[in-house]
């Protein structure tokens, strides 16, 4: 079990640099959003958390800190690792099995960013409970493929 730091409006976990951390991160997001009655954004939050944690594991290969903050209108989820390399969109083929995480962040999150510090970087995203993150995704996907 990973150590948790919890307040009324935030929760944070230290996760090891292993594949199982992706599953643990999703579980923490799902349970925390259920506690805060934010089920309407839970699926998108879990998907985006999986993408950001996976990127961290693949590229930083360091311990991770997952932080979830209740913003009043939704959540801000952050993943911190020891790498100072900021994620960037790279060209990929349509048959590539990786490289879609930042595209998903751009399409589903209200906003997202990466912040570099002396000890590494934090990639965060925000989701509002009053907005359907999936609205328009099919249309954008059709246009991109069209």
Protein backbone atom coordinates (compact mmCIF):
# COMPACT_ATOMS: atom_id res chain seq x y z
CA UNK A 1 0.00 0.00 0.00
CA UNK A 2 1.37 3.42 -0.88
CA UNK A 3 1.43 6.22 1.70
CA UNK A 4 -1.35 8.78 1.35
CA UNK A 5 -1.52 12.40 2.41
CA UNK A 6 -5.18 13.44 2.64
CA UNK A 7 -7.09 16.60 3.52
CA UNK A 8 -10.74 17.48 2.96
CA UNK A 9 -9.98 18.83 -0.52
CA UNK A 10 -6.90 16.93 -1.66
CA UNK A 11 -5.18 13.56 -1.64
CA UNK A 12 -1.66 12.58 -2.63
CA UNK A 13 0.14 9.25 -3.02
CA UNK A 14 3.75 8.22 -3.58
CA UNK A 15 3.91 5.56 -6.28
CA UNK A 16 6.90 3.42 -7.27
CA UNK A 17 8.21 3.38 -10.87
CA UNK A 18 6.50 0.10 -11.78
CA UNK A 19 3.70 -0.74 -14.24
CA UNK A 20 1.29 -1.58 -11.40
CA UNK A 21 1.35 2.11 -10.42
CA UNK A 22 -0.88 2.90 -13.42
CA UNK A 23 -3.59 0.62 -12.01
CA UNK A 24 -3.11 2.02 -8.50
CA UNK A 25 -3.34 5.60 -9.77
CA UNK A 26 -6.64 4.87 -11.57
CA UNK A 27 -7.98 3.20 -8.42
CA UNK A 28 -7.06 6.23 -6.29
CA UNK A 29 -8.69 8.62 -8.77
CA UNK A 30 -11.87 6.54 -9.00
CA UNK A 31 -12.23 6.22 -5.20
CA UNK A 32 -11.42 9.87 -4.48
CA UNK A 33 -13.81 11.22 -7.10
CA UNK A 34 -16.55 8.90 -5.79
CA UNK A 35 -15.93 10.25 -2.27
CA UNK A 36 -16.29 13.79 -3.62
CA UNK A 37 -19.37 12.83 -5.69
CA UNK A 38 -17.66 13.70 -8.96
CA UNK A 39 -18.62 10.50 -10.77
CA UNK A 40 -19.55 12.41 -13.95
CA UNK A 41 -15.87 13.11 -14.70
CA UNK A 42 -14.41 9.92 -13.24
CA UNK A 43 -13.97 8.00 -16.52
CA UNK A 44 -12.14 10.88 -18.22
CA UNK A 45 -10.06 11.52 -15.09
CA UNK A 46 -9.03 7.86 -14.89
CA UNK A 47 -8.11 7.72 -18.59
CA UNK A 48 -6.04 10.90 -18.45
CA UNK A 49 -4.37 9.82 -15.21
CA UNK A 50 -3.41 6.52 -16.88
CA UNK A 51 -1.87 8.41 -19.79
CA UNK A 52 0.13 10.82 -17.63
CA UNK A 53 1.34 8.14 -15.21
CA UNK A 54 2.30 5.86 -18.12
CA UNK A 55 4.28 8.71 -19.73
CA UNK A 56 6.05 9.28 -16.44
CA UNK A 57 6.93 5.61 -16.08
CA UNK A 58 8.18 5.32 -19.66
CA UNK A 59 10.22 8.51 -19.77
CA UNK A 60 11.23 9.46 -16.20
CA UNK A 61 11.54 6.00 -14.66
CA UNK A 62 11.47 7.56 -11.19
CA UNK A 63 9.12 7.48 -8.21
CA UNK A 64 5.89 9.36 -8.89
CA UNK A 65 3.63 11.54 -6.76
CA UNK A 66 -0.06 11.56 -7.74
CA UNK A 67 -2.03 14.50 -6.34
CA UNK A 68 -5.77 15.08 -6.70
CA UNK A 69 -7.24 18.44 -5.67
CA UNK A 70 -10.95 19.29 -5.44
CA UNK A 71 -11.20 22.73 -7.01
CA UNK A 72 -14.81 23.44 -6.13
CA UNK A 73 -15.86 23.19 -9.78
CA UNK A 74 -14.03 19.93 -10.51
CA UNK A 75 -10.56 18.49 -10.03
CA UNK A 76 -6.93 19.17 -10.76
CA UNK A 77 -4.86 16.00 -11.05
CA UNK A 78 -1.08 16.21 -11.07
CA UNK A 79 1.70 13.68 -11.61
CA UNK A 80 5.18 14.64 -10.44
CA UNK A 81 8.38 12.77 -11.34
CA UNK A 82 12.14 13.38 -11.26
CA UNK A 83 12.61 14.18 -14.97
CA UNK A 84 12.89 17.80 -16.14
CA UNK A 85 12.00 16.85 -19.73
CA UNK A 86 8.63 18.36 -20.66
CA UNK A 87 6.28 16.15 -22.71
CA UNK A 88 5.91 17.13 -26.35
CA UNK A 89 3.74 15.86 -29.17
CA UNK A 90 5.80 13.78 -31.54
CA UNK A 91 4.93 12.74 -35.09
CA UNK A 92 3.42 9.26 -35.18
CA UNK A 93 1.96 6.93 -37.74
CA UNK A 94 -1.69 5.89 -37.65
CA UNK A 95 -0.58 2.36 -36.74
CA UNK A 96 1.55 3.47 -33.75
CA UNK A 97 0.52 1.97 -30.42
CA UNK A 98 1.82 4.92 -28.39
CA UNK A 99 1.84 8.70 -28.70
CA UNK A 100 -1.80 9.60 -28.10
CA UNK A 101 -1.63 10.72 -24.45
CA UNK A 102 -1.07 14.43 -25.09
CA UNK A 103 -3.76 14.42 -27.77
CA UNK A 104 -6.20 12.95 -25.23
CA UNK A 105 -5.19 15.59 -22.68
CA UNK A 106 -5.84 18.33 -25.23
CA UNK A 107 -9.24 16.95 -26.19
CA UNK A 108 -10.65 15.88 -22.81
CA UNK A 109 -9.15 18.19 -20.20
CA UNK A 110 -10.34 21.75 -19.63
CA UNK A 111 -6.67 22.66 -19.48
CA UNK A 112 -3.31 20.99 -18.88
CA UNK A 113 0.31 21.98 -18.53
CA UNK A 114 3.76 20.84 -17.42
CA UNK A 115 5.78 22.75 -14.85
CA UNK A 116 9.51 22.16 -14.32
CA UNK A 117 11.16 22.56 -10.94
CA UNK A 118 14.60 21.80 -9.53
CA UNK A 119 13.52 18.28 -8.55
CA UNK A 120 11.72 17.33 -11.78
CA UNK A 121 8.42 18.19 -13.39
CA UNK A 122 4.70 18.08 -12.73
CA UNK A 123 2.20 17.38 -15.49
CA UNK A 124 -1.31 18.40 -14.44
CA UNK A 125 -4.76 18.60 -15.94
CA UNK A 126 -8.09 20.01 -14.84
CA UNK A 127 -11.61 18.72 -15.41
CA UNK A 128 -14.79 20.63 -14.56
CA UNK A 129 -17.77 18.74 -13.20
CA UNK A 130 -20.15 21.03 -15.12
CA UNK A 131 -18.75 20.09 -18.53
CA UNK A 132 -18.99 16.78 -20.36
CA UNK A 133 -15.36 16.02 -21.31
CA UNK A 134 -16.51 13.56 -23.99
CA UNK A 135 -18.75 16.04 -25.84
CA UNK A 136 -17.43 16.62 -29.36
CA UNK A 137 -14.70 13.98 -29.13
CA UNK A 138 -16.28 11.78 -31.81
CA UNK A 139 -16.63 14.76 -34.15
CA UNK A 140 -12.97 15.75 -33.63
CA UNK A 141 -11.85 12.16 -34.18
CA UNK A 142 -13.86 11.93 -37.41
CA UNK A 143 -12.33 15.21 -38.67
CA UNK A 144 -8.79 14.07 -37.82
CA UNK A 145 -9.28 10.79 -39.67
CA UNK A 146 -11.26 12.28 -42.53
